[in-house]
Amino acid sequence: MAEAKTPEKMLSAKPPVYHQNSHSPNATLQLPSPIITRRTRTASTSARAMENPVVSGVVKSFSRTKGHGFITPHGGGEDVFCHVSDIEGEYVPMPGDEVKYRLCAIPPKFEKHQAVHVQISNLTPEVHHKWEESVFCGSPAK
C-alpha cells in the first residue's frame, strides 16, 4: 500500500535531478526559440513562403554580430524580423538599404511574419562589407 504524502513529506522530498547533456550551465532551461532559420524551417513552411508575393522595404536595422535585423515594409505596418540565414547576396545589409523579400509565417500561431529570401535591391552610398570579411577589423578573412 502506498504511503500518503503529507505536506511535510512533500517539502522534505529531494528536488528532481536534471541530467545535462550539454556543457552549458543553463542546459535545463532550454526554451524553444521563436526564430525559425532557413536551416530549421520545414519544407512545407518554405513552400508556403515561396507562394507569397515578393514585397519590398527598407532595412531599419541589422546586426551582423547578433545575426538578425528588421525591415520596414514600403506598404506600411509592423517592422518585419529578418534572420541572417535568410539574406541572399554577397553584402551585409545596412540601415537604409532597399530590399525585396517574401513573408513567412512564424510558428506556432502563425500570426507574425519574418522576411525570407531577402535580396538587397538598392545599396545606400556607405561602404558595404562582404560576408567573408572579418566582423571586427574590416579586412578580408583569411
Protein backbone atom coordinates (compact mmCIF):
# COMPACT_ATOMS: atom_id res chain seq x y z
CA MET A 1 0.00 0.00 0.00
CA ALA A 2 1.34 3.42 -0.97
CA GLU A 3 2.19 5.83 1.79
CA ALA A 4 0.13 9.05 1.84
CA LYS A 5 2.08 12.21 1.01
CA THR A 6 1.71 14.82 3.69
CA PRO A 7 2.82 18.44 3.18
CA GLU A 8 5.80 17.79 5.49
CA LYS A 9 6.95 14.82 3.42
CA MET A 10 6.47 16.73 0.17
CA LEU A 11 8.64 19.61 1.45
CA SER A 12 11.37 17.26 2.63
CA ALA A 13 11.47 15.41 -0.69
CA LYS A 14 14.57 15.87 -2.81
CA PRO A 15 14.24 18.09 -5.86
CA PRO A 16 14.27 16.33 -9.22
CA VAL A 17 17.67 15.64 -10.73
CA TYR A 18 18.30 17.02 -14.21
CA HIS A 19 20.92 15.33 -16.32
CA GLN A 20 22.78 17.75 -18.53
CA ASN A 21 23.74 16.57 -21.98
CA SER A 22 25.40 19.90 -22.68
CA HIS A 23 28.27 21.81 -21.15
CA SER A 24 26.00 24.84 -20.78
CA PRO A 25 25.15 25.79 -17.20
CA ASN A 26 21.58 26.56 -18.34
CA ALA A 27 21.00 23.26 -20.13
CA THR A 28 17.91 22.59 -18.00
CA LEU A 29 16.37 25.91 -19.07
CA GLN A 30 16.07 25.15 -22.77
CA LEU A 31 13.31 27.30 -24.17
CA PRO A 32 12.07 26.79 -27.71
CA SER A 33 13.20 29.57 -29.99
CA PRO A 34 10.51 31.53 -31.83
CA ILE A 35 13.05 32.29 -34.55
CA ILE A 36 12.86 29.89 -37.44
CA THR A 37 16.04 29.90 -39.50
CA ARG A 38 16.49 28.64 -43.05
CA ARG A 39 18.16 25.57 -41.59
CA THR A 40 15.31 24.70 -39.20
CA ARG A 41 12.38 25.71 -41.40
CA THR A 42 10.22 22.82 -42.57
CA ALA A 43 9.79 22.11 -46.26
CA SER A 44 6.07 22.91 -46.07
CA THR A 45 6.73 26.29 -44.43
CA SER A 46 9.31 27.11 -47.09
CA ALA A 47 6.86 26.11 -49.84
CA ARG A 48 4.16 28.36 -48.35
CA ALA A 49 6.63 31.26 -48.19
CA MET A 50 7.51 30.82 -51.86
CA GLU A 51 3.81 31.17 -52.73
CA ASN A 52 3.73 34.63 -51.15
CA PRO A 53 4.38 37.64 -53.39
CA VAL A 54 7.70 39.48 -53.38
CA VAL A 55 7.40 42.67 -51.32
CA SER A 56 9.85 45.50 -50.76
CA GLY A 57 11.02 47.53 -47.82
CA VAL A 58 13.94 49.34 -46.23
CA VAL A 59 16.37 47.86 -43.71
CA LYS A 60 15.66 49.57 -40.40
CA SER A 61 18.48 47.88 -38.50
CA PHE A 62 20.74 44.89 -38.90
CA SER A 63 23.35 43.49 -36.52
CA ARG A 64 25.76 41.05 -38.08
CA THR A 65 27.09 40.00 -34.67
CA LYS A 66 23.58 39.31 -33.33
CA GLY A 67 22.54 37.66 -36.58
CA HIS A 68 19.30 39.50 -37.20
CA GLY A 69 17.65 42.78 -38.06
CA PHE A 70 14.38 44.43 -39.01
CA ILE A 71 12.86 45.65 -42.26
CA THR A 72 10.27 48.42 -42.56
CA PRO A 73 7.81 47.45 -45.33
CA HIS A 74 7.10 50.04 -48.04
CA GLY A 75 3.39 49.24 -47.70
CA GLY A 76 3.40 50.20 -44.01
CA GLY A 77 2.67 48.06 -40.99
CA GLU A 78 4.87 46.49 -38.35
CA ASP A 79 8.59 46.02 -38.90
CA VAL A 80 9.46 42.54 -40.12
CA PHE A 81 12.11 40.35 -38.48
CA CYS A 82 14.97 39.12 -40.69
CA HIS A 83 17.42 36.36 -39.72
CA VAL A 84 20.96 36.31 -41.10
CA SER A 85 20.38 32.92 -42.74
CA ASP A 86 17.65 34.39 -44.97
CA ILE A 87 19.82 37.06 -46.58
CA GLU A 88 20.94 36.29 -50.11
CA GLY A 89 23.81 38.03 -51.83
CA GLU A 90 27.38 39.00 -51.05
CA TYR A 91 26.85 42.15 -48.95
CA VAL A 92 25.82 42.62 -45.33
CA PRO A 93 22.68 44.80 -45.18
CA MET A 94 22.91 48.28 -43.69
CA PRO A 95 20.18 50.62 -42.47
CA GLY A 96 18.63 52.38 -45.43
CA ASP A 97 19.23 49.59 -47.96
CA GLU A 98 16.19 48.78 -50.08
CA VAL A 99 15.38 45.08 -50.09
CA LYS A 100 12.96 42.65 -51.70
CA TYR A 101 11.74 39.66 -49.75
CA ARG A 102 8.90 37.21 -49.15
CA LEU A 103 6.95 36.86 -45.93
CA CYS A 104 6.98 33.62 -43.97
CA ALA A 105 4.61 32.98 -41.06
CA ILE A 106 6.33 32.25 -37.74
CA PRO A 107 5.09 29.17 -35.85
CA PRO A 108 3.44 28.14 -33.59
CA LYS A 109 0.49 30.52 -34.03
CA PHE A 110 1.49 31.81 -37.49
CA GLU A 111 0.29 35.30 -36.52
CA LYS A 112 3.58 37.16 -37.11
CA HIS A 113 5.86 37.05 -40.11
CA GLN A 114 9.56 37.16 -40.85
CA ALA A 115 11.34 38.10 -44.05
CA VAL A 116 12.84 35.26 -46.10
CA HIS A 117 14.78 35.20 -49.39
CA VAL A 118 15.94 38.76 -48.69
CA GLN A 119 17.83 40.42 -51.55
CA ILE A 120 19.31 43.90 -51.46
CA SER A 121 17.91 45.79 -54.45
CA ASN A 122 19.45 49.23 -53.81
CA LEU A 123 22.52 49.84 -51.64
CA THR A 124 22.99 53.01 -49.61
CA PRO A 125 26.07 55.12 -50.50
CA GLU A 126 28.03 53.92 -47.44
CA VAL A 127 30.71 51.29 -47.86
CA HIS A 128 29.19 47.83 -47.55
CA HIS A 129 31.06 44.85 -46.15
CA LYS A 130 31.00 41.44 -47.73
CA TRP A 131 30.08 38.36 -45.70
CA GLU A 132 33.57 36.89 -45.96
CA GLU A 133 35.12 39.98 -44.36
CA SER A 134 36.02 39.89 -40.68
CA VAL A 135 33.37 41.30 -38.36
CA PHE A 136 35.78 43.28 -36.19
CA CYS A 137 38.63 44.61 -38.27
CA GLY A 138 37.00 45.19 -41.66
CA SER A 139 39.78 43.38 -43.55
CA PRO A 140 39.07 40.22 -45.58
CA ALA A 141 39.00 36.99 -43.58
CA LYS A 142 41.95 34.69 -44.27
